[in-house]
Amino acid sequence: MDALRGPDAGTLLIRALRNNALAAGVTMHIATIACTPWASATFVGTQHQLTIAADPVPGLRDWIDSLPDAEFAIRGHIVADLAIDRVESIDGRQHVTLAILTLIDT
């Protein structure tokens, strides 16, 4: 995080995911995260690859299934795409691998 600019898109995305999960009654943590700069001819952003780990609780599967259509408020950025790459159970916890594209909102 740059003290002059504030949190980056990855930090804001994690906060938004946690808030979304808590609203659904799900406690999760980020197991892995990788961020890569991304650009097209008209947009600039970041590709985020992350794995969420969560204890199996009622509503977990519904929350996971809702993620691709969820709206996330991320100051200065737009979640342009969110895809669930994998869901697997490891040591009794659900691990959800997500691919998320955020764009700078100008």
N, C-alpha and C. Protein backbone atom coordinates (compact mmCIF):
# COMPACT_ATOMS: atom_id res chain seq x y z
N MET A 1 0.85 -1.17 0.00
CA MET A 1 0.00 0.00 0.00
C MET A 1 0.89 1.23 0.00
N ASP A 2 0.63 2.16 -0.87
CA ASP A 2 1.33 3.43 -0.94
C ASP A 2 0.62 4.40 0.00
N ALA A 3 1.35 4.92 0.99
CA ALA A 3 0.74 5.78 2.01
C ALA A 3 0.10 7.02 1.41
N LEU A 4 0.61 7.48 0.28
CA LEU A 4 0.05 8.69 -0.33
C LEU A 4 -1.18 8.40 -1.18
N ARG A 5 -1.25 7.22 -1.76
CA ARG A 5 -2.36 6.87 -2.66
C ARG A 5 -3.43 6.05 -1.98
N GLY A 6 -3.13 5.42 -0.88
CA GLY A 6 -4.10 4.57 -0.22
C GLY A 6 -3.98 3.13 -0.69
N PRO A 7 -4.90 2.29 -0.28
CA PRO A 7 -4.83 0.87 -0.62
C PRO A 7 -4.93 0.62 -2.12
N ASP A 8 -4.24 -0.42 -2.57
CA ASP A 8 -4.31 -0.78 -3.99
C ASP A 8 -5.56 -1.61 -4.27
N ALA A 9 -5.77 -1.94 -5.54
CA ALA A 9 -6.97 -2.68 -5.94
C ALA A 9 -7.07 -4.03 -5.25
N GLY A 10 -5.95 -4.72 -5.06
CA GLY A 10 -5.96 -6.02 -4.39
C GLY A 10 -6.43 -5.93 -2.95
N THR A 11 -5.94 -4.95 -2.22
CA THR A 11 -6.34 -4.75 -0.83
C THR A 11 -7.83 -4.41 -0.75
N LEU A 12 -8.27 -3.51 -1.61
CA LEU A 12 -9.69 -3.13 -1.62
C LEU A 12 -10.58 -4.31 -2.00
N LEU A 13 -10.11 -5.12 -2.94
CA LEU A 13 -10.87 -6.30 -3.37
C LEU A 13 -11.02 -7.28 -2.21
N ILE A 14 -9.94 -7.53 -1.49
CA ILE A 14 -10.01 -8.45 -0.34
C ILE A 14 -10.99 -7.93 0.71
N ARG A 15 -10.94 -6.64 0.98
CA ARG A 15 -11.89 -6.06 1.95
C ARG A 15 -13.33 -6.24 1.48
N ALA A 16 -13.57 -6.01 0.20
CA ALA A 16 -14.93 -6.15 -0.35
C ALA A 16 -15.39 -7.61 -0.29
N LEU A 17 -14.50 -8.55 -0.60
CA LEU A 17 -14.85 -9.97 -0.52
C LEU A 17 -15.18 -10.37 0.92
N ARG A 18 -14.37 -9.91 1.87
CA ARG A 18 -14.63 -10.23 3.29
C ARG A 18 -15.98 -9.66 3.74
N ASN A 19 -16.26 -8.42 3.37
CA ASN A 19 -17.54 -7.81 3.75
C ASN A 19 -18.71 -8.56 3.13
N ASN A 20 -18.56 -8.96 1.86
CA ASN A 20 -19.59 -9.72 1.17
C ASN A 20 -19.81 -11.06 1.86
N ALA A 21 -18.73 -11.73 2.24
CA ALA A 21 -18.82 -13.02 2.92
C ALA A 21 -19.50 -12.88 4.28
N LEU A 22 -19.08 -11.88 5.05
CA LEU A 22 -19.67 -11.67 6.37
C LEU A 22 -21.16 -11.40 6.29
N ALA A 23 -21.59 -10.67 5.27
CA ALA A 23 -23.01 -10.39 5.08
C ALA A 23 -23.79 -11.67 4.81
N ALA A 24 -23.10 -12.68 4.26
CA ALA A 24 -23.73 -13.97 3.97
C ALA A 24 -23.53 -14.96 5.11
N GLY A 25 -22.88 -14.53 6.19
CA GLY A 25 -22.64 -15.43 7.32
C GLY A 25 -21.46 -16.35 7.14
N VAL A 26 -20.56 -15.99 6.24
CA VAL A 26 -19.39 -16.83 5.93
C VAL A 26 -18.14 -16.12 6.43
N THR A 27 -17.32 -16.86 7.16
CA THR A 27 -16.01 -16.34 7.57
C THR A 27 -14.97 -16.98 6.66
N MET A 28 -14.17 -16.15 6.01
CA MET A 28 -13.19 -16.66 5.08
C MET A 28 -11.86 -15.94 5.27
N HIS A 29 -10.81 -16.55 4.78
CA HIS A 29 -9.53 -15.86 4.72
C HIS A 29 -8.88 -16.15 3.38
N ILE A 30 -7.96 -15.29 3.01
CA ILE A 30 -7.25 -15.44 1.75
C ILE A 30 -6.09 -16.39 1.97
N ALA A 31 -6.09 -17.52 1.25
CA ALA A 31 -5.02 -18.50 1.37
C ALA A 31 -3.86 -18.14 0.45
N THR A 32 -4.17 -17.69 -0.77
CA THR A 32 -3.13 -17.27 -1.71
C THR A 32 -3.67 -16.12 -2.55
N ILE A 33 -2.76 -15.26 -3.01
CA ILE A 33 -3.15 -14.18 -3.91
C ILE A 33 -1.97 -13.84 -4.81
N ALA A 34 -2.27 -13.59 -6.06
CA ALA A 34 -1.28 -13.11 -7.03
C ALA A 34 -1.96 -12.06 -7.88
N CYS A 35 -1.28 -10.95 -8.10
CA CYS A 35 -1.84 -9.85 -8.88
C CYS A 35 -0.89 -9.53 -10.03
N THR A 36 -1.47 -9.38 -11.22
CA THR A 36 -0.70 -9.08 -12.41
C THR A 36 -1.31 -7.87 -13.11
N PRO A 37 -0.49 -6.87 -13.45
CA PRO A 37 -1.03 -5.73 -14.21
C PRO A 37 -1.66 -6.22 -15.52
N TRP A 38 -2.72 -5.55 -15.92
CA TRP A 38 -3.46 -5.95 -17.13
C TRP A 38 -3.84 -4.69 -17.89
N ALA A 39 -3.82 -4.76 -19.21
CA ALA A 39 -4.25 -3.61 -20.02
C ALA A 39 -4.77 -4.09 -21.37
N SER A 40 -5.73 -3.35 -21.89
CA SER A 40 -6.21 -3.55 -23.25
C SER A 40 -6.00 -2.23 -23.98
N ALA A 41 -6.52 -2.12 -25.16
CA ALA A 41 -6.38 -0.86 -25.91
C ALA A 41 -7.09 0.30 -25.23
N THR A 42 -8.12 0.00 -24.42
CA THR A 42 -8.90 1.07 -23.81
C THR A 42 -8.97 1.05 -22.29
N PHE A 43 -8.54 -0.03 -21.65
CA PHE A 43 -8.67 -0.15 -20.20
C PHE A 43 -7.35 -0.56 -19.56
N VAL A 44 -7.19 -0.17 -18.30
CA VAL A 44 -6.02 -0.56 -17.49
C VAL A 44 -6.55 -1.13 -16.18
N GLY A 45 -5.94 -2.19 -15.73
CA GLY A 45 -6.39 -2.79 -14.48
C GLY A 45 -5.43 -3.83 -13.97
N THR A 46 -5.99 -4.76 -13.20
CA THR A 46 -5.20 -5.82 -12.57
C THR A 46 -5.97 -7.13 -12.65
N GLN A 47 -5.24 -8.20 -12.98
CA GLN A 47 -5.80 -9.54 -12.93
C GLN A 47 -5.41 -10.15 -11.58
N HIS A 48 -6.40 -10.56 -10.80
CA HIS A 48 -6.16 -11.13 -9.47
C HIS A 48 -6.49 -12.62 -9.53
N GLN A 49 -5.58 -13.43 -9.05
CA GLN A 49 -5.82 -14.87 -8.91
C GLN A 49 -5.71 -15.14 -7.42
N LEU A 50 -6.81 -15.57 -6.80
CA LEU A 50 -6.74 -15.78 -5.36
C LEU A 50 -7.51 -17.01 -4.95
N THR A 51 -7.10 -17.56 -3.81
CA THR A 51 -7.78 -18.70 -3.23
C THR A 51 -8.30 -18.30 -1.86
N ILE A 52 -9.58 -18.53 -1.67
CA ILE A 52 -10.27 -18.26 -0.41
C ILE A 52 -10.44 -19.59 0.31
N ALA A 53 -10.21 -19.59 1.61
CA ALA A 53 -10.47 -20.77 2.43
C ALA A 53 -11.58 -20.41 3.42
N ALA A 54 -12.56 -21.32 3.54
CA ALA A 54 -13.68 -21.07 4.45
C ALA A 54 -14.14 -22.38 5.07
N ASP A 55 -14.56 -22.28 6.34
CA ASP A 55 -15.14 -23.44 7.00
C ASP A 55 -16.50 -23.70 6.40
N PRO A 56 -16.87 -24.98 6.24
CA PRO A 56 -18.20 -25.27 5.69
C PRO A 56 -19.29 -24.89 6.69
N VAL A 57 -20.08 -23.91 6.31
CA VAL A 57 -21.20 -23.44 7.13
C VAL A 57 -22.43 -23.40 6.24
N PRO A 58 -23.62 -23.41 6.86
CA PRO A 58 -24.82 -23.26 6.04
C PRO A 58 -24.74 -21.96 5.23
N GLY A 59 -25.07 -22.05 3.97
CA GLY A 59 -25.04 -20.88 3.11
C GLY A 59 -23.74 -20.68 2.36
N LEU A 60 -22.71 -21.45 2.69
CA LEU A 60 -21.42 -21.27 2.02
C LEU A 60 -21.53 -21.50 0.51
N ARG A 61 -22.16 -22.59 0.12
CA ARG A 61 -22.26 -22.89 -1.32
C ARG A 61 -23.07 -21.81 -2.04
N ASP A 62 -24.13 -21.33 -1.41
CA ASP A 62 -24.93 -20.26 -2.02
C ASP A 62 -24.08 -19.00 -2.19
N TRP A 63 -23.26 -18.68 -1.18
CA TRP A 63 -22.39 -17.50 -1.28
C TRP A 63 -21.38 -17.67 -2.42
N ILE A 64 -20.76 -18.84 -2.49
CA ILE A 64 -19.80 -19.09 -3.57
C ILE A 64 -20.48 -18.92 -4.92
N ASP A 65 -21.66 -19.52 -5.08
CA ASP A 65 -22.38 -19.45 -6.36
C ASP A 65 -22.79 -18.03 -6.72
N SER A 66 -22.96 -17.16 -5.70
CA SER A 66 -23.41 -15.79 -5.97
C SER A 66 -22.26 -14.86 -6.39
N LEU A 67 -21.03 -15.26 -6.16
CA LEU A 67 -19.89 -14.36 -6.40
C LEU A 67 -19.79 -13.80 -7.82
N PRO A 68 -19.98 -14.61 -8.88
CA PRO A 68 -19.82 -14.04 -10.23
C PRO A 68 -20.79 -12.89 -10.53
N ASP A 69 -21.94 -12.87 -9.87
CA ASP A 69 -22.94 -11.82 -10.12
C ASP A 69 -22.95 -10.73 -9.05
N ALA A 70 -22.09 -10.86 -8.05
CA ALA A 70 -22.09 -9.91 -6.94
C ALA A 70 -21.54 -8.55 -7.38
N GLU A 71 -22.04 -7.51 -6.73
CA GLU A 71 -21.54 -6.15 -6.94
C GLU A 71 -20.57 -5.83 -5.80
N PHE A 72 -19.41 -5.31 -6.15
CA PHE A 72 -18.41 -4.96 -5.15
C PHE A 72 -18.09 -3.48 -5.27
N ALA A 73 -18.18 -2.77 -4.14
CA ALA A 73 -17.84 -1.35 -4.11
C ALA A 73 -16.35 -1.23 -3.80
N ILE A 74 -15.58 -0.88 -4.81
CA ILE A 74 -14.14 -0.74 -4.67
C ILE A 74 -13.76 0.63 -5.18
N ARG A 75 -13.41 1.51 -4.26
CA ARG A 75 -13.11 2.91 -4.59
C ARG A 75 -12.05 2.99 -5.70
N GLY A 76 -12.42 3.65 -6.81
CA GLY A 76 -11.49 3.88 -7.91
C GLY A 76 -11.33 2.72 -8.86
N HIS A 77 -12.09 1.64 -8.63
CA HIS A 77 -11.96 0.44 -9.47
C HIS A 77 -13.33 -0.17 -9.73
N ILE A 78 -13.40 -0.95 -10.78
CA ILE A 78 -14.61 -1.70 -11.14
C ILE A 78 -14.22 -3.17 -11.26
N VAL A 79 -15.02 -4.06 -10.68
CA VAL A 79 -14.83 -5.49 -10.90
C VAL A 79 -15.49 -5.81 -12.24
N ALA A 80 -14.66 -6.00 -13.26
CA ALA A 80 -15.17 -6.24 -14.61
C ALA A 80 -15.54 -7.69 -14.84
N ASP A 81 -14.84 -8.60 -14.15
CA ASP A 81 -15.11 -10.03 -14.36
C ASP A 81 -14.67 -10.78 -13.11
N LEU A 82 -15.48 -11.76 -12.71
CA LEU A 82 -15.14 -12.64 -11.61
C LEU A 82 -15.56 -14.04 -12.03
N ALA A 83 -14.59 -14.95 -12.05
CA ALA A 83 -14.87 -16.33 -12.42
C ALA A 83 -14.39 -17.27 -11.31
N ILE A 84 -15.18 -18.29 -11.05
CA ILE A 84 -14.79 -19.32 -10.09
C ILE A 84 -14.05 -20.39 -10.89
N ASP A 85 -12.76 -20.53 -10.60
CA ASP A 85 -11.95 -21.51 -11.32
C ASP A 85 -12.03 -22.90 -10.71
N ARG A 86 -12.14 -22.97 -9.37
CA ARG A 86 -12.13 -24.28 -8.73
C ARG A 86 -12.71 -24.17 -7.32
N VAL A 87 -13.42 -25.21 -6.91
CA VAL A 87 -13.89 -25.34 -5.53
C VAL A 87 -13.51 -26.75 -5.10
N GLU A 88 -12.75 -26.83 -4.00
CA GLU A 88 -12.36 -28.15 -3.52
C GLU A 88 -12.31 -28.15 -2.00
N SER A 89 -12.50 -29.33 -1.44
CA SER A 89 -12.44 -29.50 0.00
C SER A 89 -11.06 -30.02 0.37
N ILE A 90 -10.37 -29.29 1.27
CA ILE A 90 -9.05 -29.69 1.73
C ILE A 90 -9.06 -29.60 3.25
N ASP A 91 -8.79 -30.72 3.90
CA ASP A 91 -8.76 -30.77 5.37
C ASP A 91 -10.02 -30.20 5.99
N GLY A 92 -11.17 -30.49 5.40
CA GLY A 92 -12.45 -30.07 5.95
C GLY A 92 -12.85 -28.64 5.65
N ARG A 93 -12.01 -27.89 4.95
CA ARG A 93 -12.33 -26.51 4.59
C ARG A 93 -12.57 -26.44 3.09
N GLN A 94 -13.40 -25.50 2.68
CA GLN A 94 -13.63 -25.27 1.26
C GLN A 94 -12.60 -24.26 0.76
N HIS A 95 -11.94 -24.60 -0.32
CA HIS A 95 -10.97 -23.70 -0.96
C HIS A 95 -11.54 -23.32 -2.32
N VAL A 96 -11.69 -22.02 -2.53
CA VAL A 96 -12.31 -21.49 -3.74
C VAL A 96 -11.27 -20.64 -4.47
N THR A 97 -10.93 -21.05 -5.69
CA THR A 97 -9.97 -20.30 -6.49
C THR A 97 -10.74 -19.39 -7.44
N LEU A 98 -10.44 -18.10 -7.38
CA LEU A 98 -11.13 -17.08 -8.18
C LEU A 98 -10.16 -16.38 -9.11
N ALA A 99 -10.65 -16.03 -10.29
CA ALA A 99 -9.94 -15.14 -11.21
C ALA A 99 -10.79 -13.88 -11.32
N ILE A 100 -10.21 -12.75 -10.97
CA ILE A 100 -10.96 -11.49 -10.92
C ILE A 100 -10.19 -10.42 -11.68
N LEU A 101 -10.89 -9.73 -12.55
CA LEU A 101 -10.30 -8.60 -13.29
C LEU A 101 -10.89 -7.32 -12.74
N THR A 102 -10.01 -6.43 -12.22
CA THR A 102 -10.45 -5.10 -11.81
C THR A 102 -9.90 -4.09 -12.79
N LEU A 103 -10.71 -3.08 -13.09
CA LEU A 103 -10.31 -1.99 -13.99
C LEU A 103 -10.28 -0.69 -13.23
N ILE A 104 -9.33 0.16 -13.58
CA ILE A 104 -9.30 1.49 -12.99
C ILE A 104 -10.50 2.26 -13.50
N ASP A 105 -11.25 2.84 -12.58
CA ASP A 105 -12.44 3.63 -12.91
C ASP A 105 -12.03 5.10 -12.99
N THR A 106 -11.94 5.60 -14.19
CA THR A 106 -11.48 6.99 -14.38
C THR A 106 -12.62 7.96 -14.46
